[in-house]
Amino acid sequence: MSQLPLGTSGSGTGPGRDAARAAKVHVQGLVGGDPRVNGIGLTHAGQAWAVKVNVVDEQDYPELPEDVDGVPVVVRGVGRISAFGVSAG
């Protein structure tokens, strides 16, 4: 009987939430201070968990691995984000 990697769901659907949380910390260390990055969170990629990196422009973002420890990294261009009622001046 083989052991599953930490954080997998056991259902054959890919990385679980615990693995994605650990991968998110790693991604934050790689690009968390980059001004092109708006935020880093978790999402689903199919039935597996993934790290989601929101960027200002999906044509100009920091270099990222396709996955971290088997957890997919998904990049989405969401535009510039600012607080409600506050202009980004």
N, C-alpha and C. Protein backbone atom coordinates (compact mmCIF):
# COMPACT_ATOMS: atom_id res chain seq x y z
N MET A 1 0.85 -1.19 0.00
CA MET A 1 0.00 0.00 0.00
C MET A 1 0.89 1.24 0.00
N SER A 2 0.64 2.15 -0.93
CA SER A 2 1.45 3.37 -1.00
C SER A 2 0.83 4.45 -0.14
N GLN A 3 1.72 5.31 0.35
CA GLN A 3 1.24 6.43 1.16
C GLN A 3 0.96 7.62 0.26
N LEU A 4 -0.04 8.38 0.62
CA LEU A 4 -0.37 9.60 -0.12
C LEU A 4 0.49 10.75 0.38
N PRO A 5 0.88 11.68 -0.50
CA PRO A 5 1.59 12.87 -0.05
C PRO A 5 0.72 13.68 0.90
N LEU A 6 1.36 14.41 1.78
CA LEU A 6 0.66 15.25 2.75
C LEU A 6 -0.35 16.15 2.05
N GLY A 7 -1.57 16.17 2.53
CA GLY A 7 -2.58 17.10 2.03
C GLY A 7 -3.40 16.58 0.88
N THR A 8 -3.15 15.34 0.41
CA THR A 8 -3.99 14.85 -0.67
C THR A 8 -5.30 14.35 -0.11
N SER A 9 -6.28 14.33 -0.96
CA SER A 9 -7.61 13.97 -0.48
C SER A 9 -7.80 12.47 -0.38
N GLY A 10 -6.97 11.69 -1.08
CA GLY A 10 -7.14 10.26 -1.05
C GLY A 10 -8.12 9.76 -2.08
N SER A 11 -8.76 10.64 -2.83
CA SER A 11 -9.76 10.23 -3.81
C SER A 11 -9.21 10.24 -5.23
N GLY A 12 -7.90 10.51 -5.37
CA GLY A 12 -7.31 10.55 -6.69
C GLY A 12 -7.60 11.82 -7.45
N THR A 13 -8.03 12.86 -6.78
CA THR A 13 -8.42 14.09 -7.46
C THR A 13 -7.32 15.15 -7.41
N GLY A 14 -6.16 14.86 -6.86
CA GLY A 14 -5.07 15.82 -6.83
C GLY A 14 -4.81 16.36 -5.45
N PRO A 15 -3.97 17.41 -5.39
CA PRO A 15 -3.55 17.96 -4.11
C PRO A 15 -4.74 18.45 -3.27
N GLY A 16 -4.63 18.24 -1.98
CA GLY A 16 -5.66 18.69 -1.05
C GLY A 16 -5.38 20.09 -0.53
N ARG A 17 -6.25 20.54 0.32
CA ARG A 17 -6.16 21.91 0.86
C ARG A 17 -4.90 22.13 1.68
N ASP A 18 -4.48 21.15 2.49
CA ASP A 18 -3.28 21.33 3.30
C ASP A 18 -2.04 21.50 2.43
N ALA A 19 -1.93 20.71 1.37
CA ALA A 19 -0.81 20.84 0.44
C ALA A 19 -0.84 22.20 -0.24
N ALA A 20 -2.04 22.65 -0.62
CA ALA A 20 -2.18 23.95 -1.28
C ALA A 20 -1.80 25.09 -0.34
N ARG A 21 -2.16 24.97 0.91
CA ARG A 21 -1.78 26.01 1.89
C ARG A 21 -0.26 26.11 2.02
N ALA A 22 0.41 24.96 2.07
CA ALA A 22 1.87 24.96 2.17
C ALA A 22 2.49 25.55 0.90
N ALA A 23 1.94 25.21 -0.26
CA ALA A 23 2.44 25.74 -1.53
C ALA A 23 2.22 27.25 -1.60
N LYS A 24 1.11 27.72 -1.05
CA LYS A 24 0.81 29.16 -1.05
C LYS A 24 1.89 29.94 -0.30
N VAL A 25 2.32 29.41 0.83
CA VAL A 25 3.39 30.06 1.61
C VAL A 25 4.65 30.16 0.76
N HIS A 26 4.96 29.10 0.04
CA HIS A 26 6.14 29.10 -0.83
C HIS A 26 6.01 30.16 -1.93
N VAL A 27 4.85 30.22 -2.57
CA VAL A 27 4.62 31.21 -3.64
C VAL A 27 4.69 32.63 -3.08
N GLN A 28 4.17 32.85 -1.87
CA GLN A 28 4.24 34.17 -1.26
C GLN A 28 5.69 34.60 -1.08
N GLY A 29 6.55 33.65 -0.73
CA GLY A 29 7.97 33.95 -0.60
C GLY A 29 8.62 34.30 -1.93
N LEU A 30 8.13 33.71 -3.01
CA LEU A 30 8.70 33.97 -4.33
C LEU A 30 8.28 35.32 -4.90
N VAL A 31 6.99 35.67 -4.81
CA VAL A 31 6.48 36.85 -5.52
C VAL A 31 5.61 37.76 -4.67
N GLY A 32 5.53 37.53 -3.37
CA GLY A 32 4.64 38.31 -2.52
C GLY A 32 4.92 39.80 -2.51
N GLY A 33 6.16 40.21 -2.73
CA GLY A 33 6.50 41.63 -2.72
C GLY A 33 6.52 42.28 -4.08
N ASP A 34 6.18 41.54 -5.12
CA ASP A 34 6.21 42.06 -6.48
C ASP A 34 5.00 42.98 -6.70
N PRO A 35 5.22 44.22 -7.16
CA PRO A 35 4.09 45.15 -7.34
C PRO A 35 3.09 44.72 -8.42
N ARG A 36 3.46 43.77 -9.25
CA ARG A 36 2.55 43.28 -10.29
C ARG A 36 1.54 42.27 -9.73
N VAL A 37 1.77 41.85 -8.48
CA VAL A 37 0.91 40.86 -7.84
C VAL A 37 -0.07 41.56 -6.90
N ASN A 38 -1.37 41.30 -7.11
CA ASN A 38 -2.40 41.88 -6.24
C ASN A 38 -2.70 41.02 -5.03
N GLY A 39 -2.59 39.73 -5.18
CA GLY A 39 -2.94 38.84 -4.08
C GLY A 39 -2.63 37.40 -4.42
N ILE A 40 -2.52 36.59 -3.37
CA ILE A 40 -2.24 35.17 -3.52
C ILE A 40 -3.22 34.42 -2.63
N GLY A 41 -3.90 33.45 -3.21
CA GLY A 41 -4.90 32.71 -2.46
C GLY A 41 -5.00 31.28 -2.94
N LEU A 42 -6.09 30.62 -2.59
CA LEU A 42 -6.34 29.25 -3.00
C LEU A 42 -7.59 29.20 -3.87
N THR A 43 -7.62 28.26 -4.78
CA THR A 43 -8.75 28.05 -5.67
C THR A 43 -8.81 26.58 -6.04
N HIS A 44 -9.79 26.22 -6.81
CA HIS A 44 -9.86 24.85 -7.34
C HIS A 44 -9.42 24.85 -8.79
N ALA A 45 -8.65 23.84 -9.17
CA ALA A 45 -8.28 23.60 -10.56
C ALA A 45 -8.84 22.22 -10.87
N GLY A 46 -10.02 22.19 -11.47
CA GLY A 46 -10.73 20.92 -11.60
C GLY A 46 -11.22 20.53 -10.21
N GLN A 47 -10.87 19.33 -9.79
CA GLN A 47 -11.27 18.89 -8.45
C GLN A 47 -10.14 19.02 -7.43
N ALA A 48 -8.98 19.50 -7.87
CA ALA A 48 -7.83 19.66 -6.98
C ALA A 48 -7.74 21.11 -6.50
N TRP A 49 -7.05 21.29 -5.39
CA TRP A 49 -6.75 22.63 -4.91
C TRP A 49 -5.55 23.18 -5.67
N ALA A 50 -5.49 24.50 -5.82
CA ALA A 50 -4.39 25.17 -6.50
C ALA A 50 -4.11 26.49 -5.81
N VAL A 51 -2.92 27.03 -6.05
CA VAL A 51 -2.57 28.38 -5.59
C VAL A 51 -2.95 29.33 -6.71
N LYS A 52 -3.69 30.39 -6.36
CA LYS A 52 -4.11 31.39 -7.34
C LYS A 52 -3.35 32.68 -7.08
N VAL A 53 -2.71 33.19 -8.13
CA VAL A 53 -1.97 34.44 -8.05
C VAL A 53 -2.70 35.46 -8.90
N ASN A 54 -3.24 36.49 -8.27
CA ASN A 54 -3.92 37.58 -8.98
C ASN A 54 -2.88 38.63 -9.34
N VAL A 55 -2.85 39.01 -10.62
CA VAL A 55 -1.89 40.00 -11.10
C VAL A 55 -2.61 41.15 -11.78
N VAL A 56 -1.93 42.29 -11.87
CA VAL A 56 -2.50 43.47 -12.50
C VAL A 56 -2.73 43.21 -13.98
N ASP A 57 -1.75 42.62 -14.65
CA ASP A 57 -1.82 42.42 -16.10
C ASP A 57 -1.33 41.00 -16.41
N GLU A 58 -2.19 40.18 -16.99
CA GLU A 58 -1.79 38.79 -17.24
C GLU A 58 -0.75 38.67 -18.36
N GLN A 59 -0.42 39.77 -19.01
CA GLN A 59 0.67 39.77 -20.00
C GLN A 59 2.01 40.13 -19.37
N ASP A 60 2.00 40.65 -18.14
CA ASP A 60 3.22 41.08 -17.46
C ASP A 60 3.14 40.66 -16.00
N TYR A 61 3.70 39.50 -15.72
CA TYR A 61 3.69 39.01 -14.33
C TYR A 61 5.00 38.31 -14.03
N PRO A 62 5.33 38.16 -12.76
CA PRO A 62 6.60 37.54 -12.41
C PRO A 62 6.65 36.07 -12.82
N GLU A 63 7.85 35.60 -13.04
CA GLU A 63 8.03 34.20 -13.39
C GLU A 63 7.60 33.32 -12.23
N LEU A 64 6.78 32.33 -12.54
CA LEU A 64 6.25 31.41 -11.53
C LEU A 64 6.37 29.98 -12.03
N PRO A 65 6.56 29.04 -11.12
CA PRO A 65 6.54 27.64 -11.54
C PRO A 65 5.11 27.23 -11.89
N GLU A 66 4.97 26.18 -12.72
CA GLU A 66 3.64 25.67 -13.06
C GLU A 66 2.99 24.99 -11.86
N ASP A 67 3.83 24.45 -10.98
CA ASP A 67 3.32 23.85 -9.76
C ASP A 67 4.39 23.93 -8.69
N VAL A 68 3.96 23.83 -7.45
CA VAL A 68 4.85 23.80 -6.28
C VAL A 68 4.50 22.54 -5.50
N ASP A 69 5.45 21.64 -5.44
CA ASP A 69 5.24 20.36 -4.73
C ASP A 69 3.97 19.66 -5.19
N GLY A 70 3.72 19.70 -6.50
CA GLY A 70 2.57 19.02 -7.07
C GLY A 70 1.28 19.81 -7.04
N VAL A 71 1.30 21.01 -6.46
CA VAL A 71 0.11 21.86 -6.40
C VAL A 71 0.16 22.84 -7.57
N PRO A 72 -0.85 22.86 -8.43
CA PRO A 72 -0.85 23.79 -9.58
C PRO A 72 -0.83 25.24 -9.13
N VAL A 73 -0.17 26.09 -9.92
CA VAL A 73 -0.16 27.54 -9.70
C VAL A 73 -0.92 28.17 -10.87
N VAL A 74 -2.00 28.90 -10.56
CA VAL A 74 -2.87 29.51 -11.55
C VAL A 74 -2.70 31.03 -11.47
N VAL A 75 -2.48 31.67 -12.61
CA VAL A 75 -2.32 33.13 -12.67
C VAL A 75 -3.54 33.73 -13.35
N ARG A 76 -4.10 34.78 -12.76
CA ARG A 76 -5.26 35.46 -13.33
C ARG A 76 -5.02 36.97 -13.32
N GLY A 77 -5.22 37.60 -14.47
CA GLY A 77 -5.15 39.05 -14.55
C GLY A 77 -6.46 39.64 -14.06
N VAL A 78 -6.40 40.48 -13.05
CA VAL A 78 -7.61 41.05 -12.46
C VAL A 78 -7.62 42.58 -12.47
N GLY A 79 -6.56 43.18 -13.03
CA GLY A 79 -6.48 44.64 -13.04
C GLY A 79 -5.96 45.18 -11.72
N ARG A 80 -5.88 46.49 -11.65
CA ARG A 80 -5.40 47.14 -10.44
C ARG A 80 -6.52 47.14 -9.40
N ILE A 81 -6.19 46.84 -8.18
CA ILE A 81 -7.17 46.78 -7.10
C ILE A 81 -6.92 47.93 -6.13
N SER A 82 -7.99 48.59 -5.71
CA SER A 82 -7.88 49.65 -4.71
C SER A 82 -9.07 49.55 -3.77
N ALA A 83 -8.93 50.20 -2.65
CA ALA A 83 -10.01 50.21 -1.67
C ALA A 83 -11.21 50.97 -2.25
N PHE A 84 -12.40 50.54 -1.89
CA PHE A 84 -13.62 51.19 -2.37
C PHE A 84 -13.61 52.66 -2.00
N GLY A 85 -13.86 53.50 -2.98
CA GLY A 85 -13.92 54.94 -2.73
C GLY A 85 -12.59 55.63 -2.68
N VAL A 86 -11.50 54.89 -2.90
CA VAL A 86 -10.17 55.47 -2.88
C VAL A 86 -9.56 55.27 -4.25
N SER A 87 -9.14 56.36 -4.88
CA SER A 87 -8.52 56.22 -6.20
C SER A 87 -7.07 55.84 -6.05
N ALA A 88 -6.58 55.04 -6.99
CA ALA A 88 -5.16 54.65 -6.99
C ALA A 88 -4.37 55.74 -7.69
N GLY A 89 -3.97 56.74 -6.96
CA GLY A 89 -3.35 57.88 -7.56
C GLY A 89 -1.93 57.87 -7.53
